[in-house]
Each structure stands twice: as C-alpha cells, then as structure tokens.
Amino acid sequence: MMNAVEVHDHAPKLYVLNGGKALADATAMARRYAQSGDKGLAEDWRRIQAALRELIGPSVS
C-alpha cells in the first residue's frame, strides 16, 4: 500500500501524462484491481482518485 506522500506524488504525474483522462484512468484501475480481488492496489488507486480530484478541483458547469 502506498503512503500518503507516494499517492500525492503519483497523482500529479498521472495528470501530466494523461491530462483530463487521468481521473477516468484511476477509476478504471481501482475497479480492475477490486474485481481481481487485490484490495490493497484497489485502495491505492482510490486514494490516487481522491488526490486527483483535489488537484483538478471542482468541475464548472
């Protein structure tokens, strides 16, 4: 399991690489690991999702 520093280090890198698609990618990874039974990695990706939401901020409509 990633610690908080690793999560908050990984999220911006993922955003730089994937742009607006980063959150969808993190969601897909969390779902994939949850379905395969790897709860630790699924939780890591959920935490990365949360960090990305903080980084990106609220969507404007």
PDB file of N, CA and C in Angstrom:
ATOM      1  N   MET A   1       0.843  -1.176   0.000  1.00  0.00           N
ATOM      2  CA  MET A   1       0.000   0.000   0.000  1.00  0.00           C
ATOM      3  C   MET A   1       0.894   1.247   0.000  1.00  0.00           C
ATOM      4  N   MET A   2       0.521   2.207  -0.812  1.00  0.00           N
ATOM      5  CA  MET A   2       1.268   3.467  -0.916  1.00  0.00           C
ATOM      6  C   MET A   2       1.011   4.328   0.317  1.00  0.00           C
ATOM      7  N   ASN A   3       2.037   5.056   0.730  1.00  0.00           N
ATOM      8  CA  ASN A   3       1.807   6.027   1.803  1.00  0.00           C
ATOM      9  C   ASN A   3       1.292   7.328   1.174  1.00  0.00           C
ATOM     10  N   ALA A   4       0.889   8.255   2.025  1.00  0.00           N
ATOM     11  CA  ALA A   4       0.271   9.498   1.549  1.00  0.00           C
ATOM     12  C   ALA A   4       1.197  10.297   0.637  1.00  0.00           C
ATOM     13  N   VAL A   5       2.478  10.310   0.946  1.00  0.00           N
ATOM     14  CA  VAL A   5       3.433  11.056   0.118  1.00  0.00           C
ATOM     15  C   VAL A   5       3.507  10.453  -1.280  1.00  0.00           C
ATOM     16  N   GLU A   6       3.540   9.127  -1.359  1.00  0.00           N
ATOM     17  CA  GLU A   6       3.599   8.463  -2.668  1.00  0.00           C
ATOM     18  C   GLU A   6       2.338   8.737  -3.483  1.00  0.00           C
ATOM     19  N   VAL A   7       1.184   8.702  -2.824  1.00  0.00           N
ATOM     20  CA  VAL A   7      -0.086   8.970  -3.510  1.00  0.00           C
ATOM     21  C   VAL A   7      -0.085  10.382  -4.080  1.00  0.00           C
ATOM     22  N   HIS A   8       0.301  11.358  -3.252  1.00  0.00           N
ATOM     23  CA  HIS A   8       0.282  12.754  -3.697  1.00  0.00           C
ATOM     24  C   HIS A   8       1.427  13.082  -4.649  1.00  0.00           C
ATOM     25  N   ASP A   9       2.399  12.203  -4.746  1.00  0.00           N
ATOM     26  CA  ASP A   9       3.460  12.347  -5.742  1.00  0.00           C
ATOM     27  C   ASP A   9       3.019  11.735  -7.076  1.00  0.00           C
ATOM     28  N   HIS A  10       2.299  10.627  -7.001  1.00  0.00           N
ATOM     29  CA  HIS A  10       1.880   9.904  -8.201  1.00  0.00           C
ATOM     30  C   HIS A  10       0.753  10.624  -8.952  1.00  0.00           C
ATOM     31  N   ALA A  11      -0.185  11.208  -8.217  1.00  0.00           N
ATOM     32  CA  ALA A  11      -1.360  11.842  -8.843  1.00  0.00           C
ATOM     33  C   ALA A  11      -0.992  12.941  -9.841  1.00  0.00           C
ATOM     34  N   PRO A  12      -0.131  13.907  -9.503  1.00  0.00           N
ATOM     35  CA  PRO A  12       0.194  14.944 -10.492  1.00  0.00           C
ATOM     36  C   PRO A  12       0.940  14.394 -11.702  1.00  0.00           C
ATOM     37  N   LYS A  13       1.761  13.375 -11.481  1.00  0.00           N
ATOM     38  CA  LYS A  13       2.468  12.764 -12.616  1.00  0.00           C
ATOM     39  C   LYS A  13       1.472  12.123 -13.571  1.00  0.00           C
ATOM     40  N   LEU A  14       0.483  11.438 -13.010  1.00  0.00           N
ATOM     41  CA  LEU A  14      -0.550  10.816 -13.833  1.00  0.00           C
ATOM     42  C   LEU A  14      -1.330  11.888 -14.591  1.00  0.00           C
ATOM     43  N   TYR A  15      -1.603  13.015 -13.933  1.00  0.00           N
ATOM     44  CA  TYR A  15      -2.340  14.098 -14.580  1.00  0.00           C
ATOM     45  C   TYR A  15      -1.531  14.720 -15.715  1.00  0.00           C
ATOM     46  N   VAL A  16      -0.244  14.894 -15.516  1.00  0.00           N
ATOM     47  CA  VAL A  16       0.616  15.455 -16.566  1.00  0.00           C
ATOM     48  C   VAL A  16       0.652  14.515 -17.766  1.00  0.00           C
ATOM     49  N   LEU A  17       0.744  13.221 -17.508  1.00  0.00           N
ATOM     50  CA  LEU A  17       0.820  12.244 -18.600  1.00  0.00           C
ATOM     51  C   LEU A  17      -0.506  12.074 -19.337  1.00  0.00           C
ATOM     52  N   ASN A  18      -1.623  12.073 -18.600  1.00  0.00           N
ATOM     53  CA  ASN A  18      -2.910  11.715 -19.198  1.00  0.00           C
ATOM     54  C   ASN A  18      -3.915  12.851 -19.261  1.00  0.00           C
ATOM     55  N   GLY A  19      -3.579  14.001 -18.703  1.00  0.00           N
ATOM     56  CA  GLY A  19      -4.482  15.144 -18.755  1.00  0.00           C
ATOM     57  C   GLY A  19      -5.843  14.846 -18.153  1.00  0.00           C
ATOM     58  N   GLY A  20      -6.882  15.299 -18.820  1.00  0.00           N
ATOM     59  CA  GLY A  20      -8.243  15.132 -18.339  1.00  0.00           C
ATOM     60  C   GLY A  20      -8.696  13.695 -18.228  1.00  0.00           C
ATOM     61  N   LYS A  21      -7.951  12.795 -18.827  1.00  0.00           N
ATOM     62  CA  LYS A  21      -8.292  11.376 -18.789  1.00  0.00           C
ATOM     63  C   LYS A  21      -7.755  10.684 -17.529  1.00  0.00           C
ATOM     64  N   ALA A  22      -6.938  11.380 -16.749  1.00  0.00           N
ATOM     65  CA  ALA A  22      -6.273  10.777 -15.586  1.00  0.00           C
ATOM     66  C   ALA A  22      -7.270  10.240 -14.561  1.00  0.00           C
ATOM     67  N   LEU A  23      -8.317  10.998 -14.276  1.00  0.00           N
ATOM     68  CA  LEU A  23      -9.291  10.556 -13.282  1.00  0.00           C
ATOM     69  C   LEU A  23     -10.025   9.304 -13.762  1.00  0.00           C
ATOM     70  N   ALA A  24     -10.402   9.270 -15.028  1.00  0.00           N
ATOM     71  CA  ALA A  24     -11.058   8.082 -15.577  1.00  0.00           C
ATOM     72  C   ALA A  24     -10.118   6.880 -15.546  1.00  0.00           C
ATOM     73  N   ASP A  25      -8.849   7.110 -15.836  1.00  0.00           N
ATOM     74  CA  ASP A  25      -7.865   6.025 -15.791  1.00  0.00           C
ATOM     75  C   ASP A  25      -7.711   5.487 -14.372  1.00  0.00           C
ATOM     76  N   ALA A  26      -7.637   6.378 -13.389  1.00  0.00           N
ATOM     77  CA  ALA A  26      -7.511   5.953 -11.992  1.00  0.00           C
ATOM     78  C   ALA A  26      -8.752   5.180 -11.548  1.00  0.00           C
ATOM     79  N   THR A  27      -9.920   5.627 -11.989  1.00  0.00           N
ATOM     80  CA  THR A  27     -11.162   4.933 -11.668  1.00  0.00           C
ATOM     81  C   THR A  27     -11.159   3.529 -12.259  1.00  0.00           C
ATOM     82  N   ALA A  28     -10.732   3.416 -13.508  1.00  0.00           N
ATOM     83  CA  ALA A  28     -10.671   2.109 -14.170  1.00  0.00           C
ATOM     84  C   ALA A  28      -9.693   1.176 -13.463  1.00  0.00           C
ATOM     85  N   MET A  29      -8.552   1.709 -13.045  1.00  0.00           N
ATOM     86  CA  MET A  29      -7.564   0.879 -12.349  1.00  0.00           C
ATOM     87  C   MET A  29      -8.107   0.409 -10.997  1.00  0.00           C
ATOM     88  N   ALA A  30      -8.765   1.294 -10.265  1.00  0.00           N
ATOM     89  CA  ALA A  30      -9.351   0.914  -8.974  1.00  0.00           C
ATOM     90  C   ALA A  30     -10.377  -0.194  -9.172  1.00  0.00           C
ATOM     91  N   ARG A  31     -11.210  -0.050 -10.182  1.00  0.00           N
ATOM     92  CA  ARG A  31     -12.237  -1.053 -10.465  1.00  0.00           C
ATOM     93  C   ARG A  31     -11.604  -2.377 -10.877  1.00  0.00           C
ATOM     94  N   ARG A  32     -10.585  -2.314 -11.718  1.00  0.00           N
ATOM     95  CA  ARG A  32      -9.921  -3.528 -12.196  1.00  0.00           C
ATOM     96  C   ARG A  32      -9.312  -4.314 -11.032  1.00  0.00           C
ATOM     97  N   TYR A  33      -8.597  -3.609 -10.150  1.00  0.00           N
ATOM     98  CA  TYR A  33      -7.965  -4.297  -9.022  1.00  0.00           C
ATOM     99  C   TYR A  33      -8.998  -4.795  -8.015  1.00  0.00           C
ATOM    100  N   ALA A  34     -10.080  -4.058  -7.818  1.00  0.00           N
ATOM    101  CA  ALA A  34     -11.135  -4.509  -6.906  1.00  0.00           C
ATOM    102  C   ALA A  34     -11.782  -5.787  -7.434  1.00  0.00           C
ATOM    103  N   GLN A  35     -12.042  -5.834  -8.736  1.00  0.00           N
ATOM    104  CA  GLN A  35     -12.662  -7.013  -9.333  1.00  0.00           C
ATOM    105  C   GLN A  35     -11.743  -8.223  -9.316  1.00  0.00           C
ATOM    106  N   SER A  36     -10.433  -7.977  -9.391  1.00  0.00           N
ATOM    107  CA  SER A  36      -9.491  -9.099  -9.371  1.00  0.00           C
ATOM    108  C   SER A  36      -9.180  -9.546  -7.944  1.00  0.00           C
ATOM    109  N   GLY A  37      -9.693  -8.813  -6.950  1.00  0.00           N
ATOM    110  CA  GLY A  37      -9.514  -9.200  -5.561  1.00  0.00           C
ATOM    111  C   GLY A  37      -8.300  -8.595  -4.879  1.00  0.00           C
ATOM    112  N   ASP A  38      -7.581  -7.720  -5.563  1.00  0.00           N
ATOM    113  CA  ASP A  38      -6.405  -7.083  -4.964  1.00  0.00           C
ATOM    114  C   ASP A  38      -6.850  -5.807  -4.250  1.00  0.00           C
ATOM    115  N   LYS A  39      -7.287  -5.977  -3.015  1.00  0.00           N
ATOM    116  CA  LYS A  39      -7.861  -4.861  -2.263  1.00  0.00           C
ATOM    117  C   LYS A  39      -6.843  -3.765  -1.971  1.00  0.00           C
ATOM    118  N   GLY A  40      -5.590  -4.138  -1.765  1.00  0.00           N
ATOM    119  CA  GLY A  40      -4.554  -3.148  -1.476  1.00  0.00           C
ATOM    120  C   GLY A  40      -4.332  -2.198  -2.635  1.00  0.00           C
ATOM    121  N   LEU A  41      -4.158  -2.751  -3.835  1.00  0.00           N
ATOM    122  CA  LEU A  41      -3.950  -1.896  -5.010  1.00  0.00           C
ATOM    123  C   LEU A  41      -5.213  -1.118  -5.365  1.00  0.00           C
ATOM    124  N   ALA A  42      -6.380  -1.730  -5.155  1.00  0.00           N
ATOM    125  CA  ALA A  42      -7.633  -1.013  -5.409  1.00  0.00           C
ATOM    126  C   ALA A  42      -7.724   0.212  -4.501  1.00  0.00           C
ATOM    127  N   GLU A  43      -7.346   0.046  -3.240  1.00  0.00           N
ATOM    128  CA  GLU A  43      -7.380   1.174  -2.305  1.00  0.00           C
ATOM    129  C   GLU A  43      -6.365   2.242  -2.694  1.00  0.00           C
ATOM    130  N   ASP A  44      -5.176   1.822  -3.135  1.00  0.00           N
ATOM    131  CA  ASP A  44      -4.184   2.793  -3.612  1.00  0.00           C
ATOM    132  C   ASP A  44      -4.771   3.648  -4.734  1.00  0.00           C
ATOM    133  N   TRP A  45      -5.422   3.016  -5.698  1.00  0.00           N
ATOM    134  CA  TRP A  45      -5.977   3.756  -6.833  1.00  0.00           C
ATOM    135  C   TRP A  45      -7.146   4.637  -6.417  1.00  0.00           C
ATOM    136  N   ARG A  46      -7.918   4.209  -5.398  1.00  0.00           N
ATOM    137  CA  ARG A  46      -8.986   5.085  -4.892  1.00  0.00           C
ATOM    138  C   ARG A  46      -8.389   6.330  -4.238  1.00  0.00           C
ATOM    139  N   ARG A  47      -7.278   6.151  -3.545  1.00  0.00           N
ATOM    140  CA  ARG A  47      -6.612   7.291  -2.918  1.00  0.00           C
ATOM    141  C   ARG A  47      -6.007   8.210  -3.984  1.00  0.00           C
ATOM    142  N   ILE A  48      -5.497   7.632  -5.059  1.00  0.00           N
ATOM    143  CA  ILE A  48      -4.994   8.446  -6.175  1.00  0.00           C
ATOM    144  C   ILE A  48      -6.152   9.219  -6.810  1.00  0.00           C
ATOM    145  N   GLN A  49      -7.316   8.568  -6.946  1.00  0.00           N
ATOM    146  CA  GLN A  49      -8.506   9.259  -7.452  1.00  0.00           C
ATOM    147  C   GLN A  49      -8.808  10.490  -6.602  1.00  0.00           C
ATOM    148  N   ALA A  50      -8.809  10.316  -5.294  1.00  0.00           N
ATOM    149  CA  ALA A  50      -9.114  11.425  -4.387  1.00  0.00           C
ATOM    150  C   ALA A  50      -8.087  12.550  -4.536  1.00  0.00           C
ATOM    151  N   ALA A  51      -6.822  12.180  -4.661  1.00  0.00           N
ATOM    152  CA  ALA A  51      -5.767  13.189  -4.840  1.00  0.00           C
ATOM    153  C   ALA A  51      -5.951  13.927  -6.164  1.00  0.00           C
ATOM    154  N   LEU A  52      -6.348  13.212  -7.204  1.00  0.00           N
ATOM    155  CA  LEU A  52      -6.601  13.850  -8.497  1.00  0.00           C
ATOM    156  C   LEU A  52      -7.773  14.822  -8.405  1.00  0.00           C
ATOM    157  N   ARG A  53      -8.819  14.433  -7.674  1.00  0.00           N
ATOM    158  CA  ARG A  53      -9.970  15.338  -7.511  1.00  0.00           C
ATOM    159  C   ARG A  53      -9.547  16.630  -6.820  1.00  0.00           C
ATOM    160  N   GLU A  54      -8.681  16.498  -5.806  1.00  0.00           N
ATOM    161  CA  GLU A  54      -8.166  17.695  -5.129  1.00  0.00           C
ATOM    162  C   GLU A  54      -7.340  18.544  -6.093  1.00  0.00           C
ATOM    163  N   LEU A  55      -6.520  17.882  -6.891  1.00  0.00           N
ATOM    164  CA  LEU A  55      -5.632  18.567  -7.828  1.00  0.00           C
ATOM    165  C   LEU A  55      -6.422  19.285  -8.920  1.00  0.00           C
ATOM    166  N   ILE A  56      -7.398  18.604  -9.472  1.00  0.00           N
ATOM    167  CA  ILE A  56      -8.177  19.143 -10.590  1.00  0.00           C
ATOM    168  C   ILE A  56      -9.169  20.196 -10.101  1.00  0.00           C
ATOM    169  N   GLY A  57      -9.743  19.974  -8.940  1.00  0.00           N
ATOM    170  CA  GLY A  57     -10.731  20.901  -8.400  1.00  0.00           C
ATOM    171  C   GLY A  57     -12.123  20.587  -8.928  1.00  0.00           C
ATOM    172  N   PRO A  58     -13.103  21.349  -8.487  1.00  0.00           N
ATOM    173  CA  PRO A  58     -14.485  21.083  -8.904  1.00  0.00           C
ATOM    174  C   PRO A  58     -14.696  21.403 -10.377  1.00  0.00           C
ATOM    175  N   SER A  59     -15.597  20.642 -10.976  1.00  0.00           N
ATOM    176  CA  SER A  59     -15.924  20.928 -12.373  1.00  0.00           C
ATOM    177  C   SER A  59     -16.909  22.092 -12.415  1.00  0.00           C
ATOM    178  N   VAL A  60     -16.792  22.881 -13.438  1.00  0.00           N
ATOM    179  CA  VAL A  60     -17.636  24.064 -13.597  1.00  0.00           C
ATOM    180  C   VAL A  60     -18.671  23.773 -14.661  1.00  0.00           C
ATOM    181  N   SER A  61     -19.932  24.092 -14.344  1.00  0.00           N
ATOM    182  CA  SER A  61     -20.969  23.860 -15.349  1.00  0.00           C
ATOM    183  C   SER A  61     -21.603  25.133 -15.802  1.00  0.00           C
TER     184      SER A  61
END
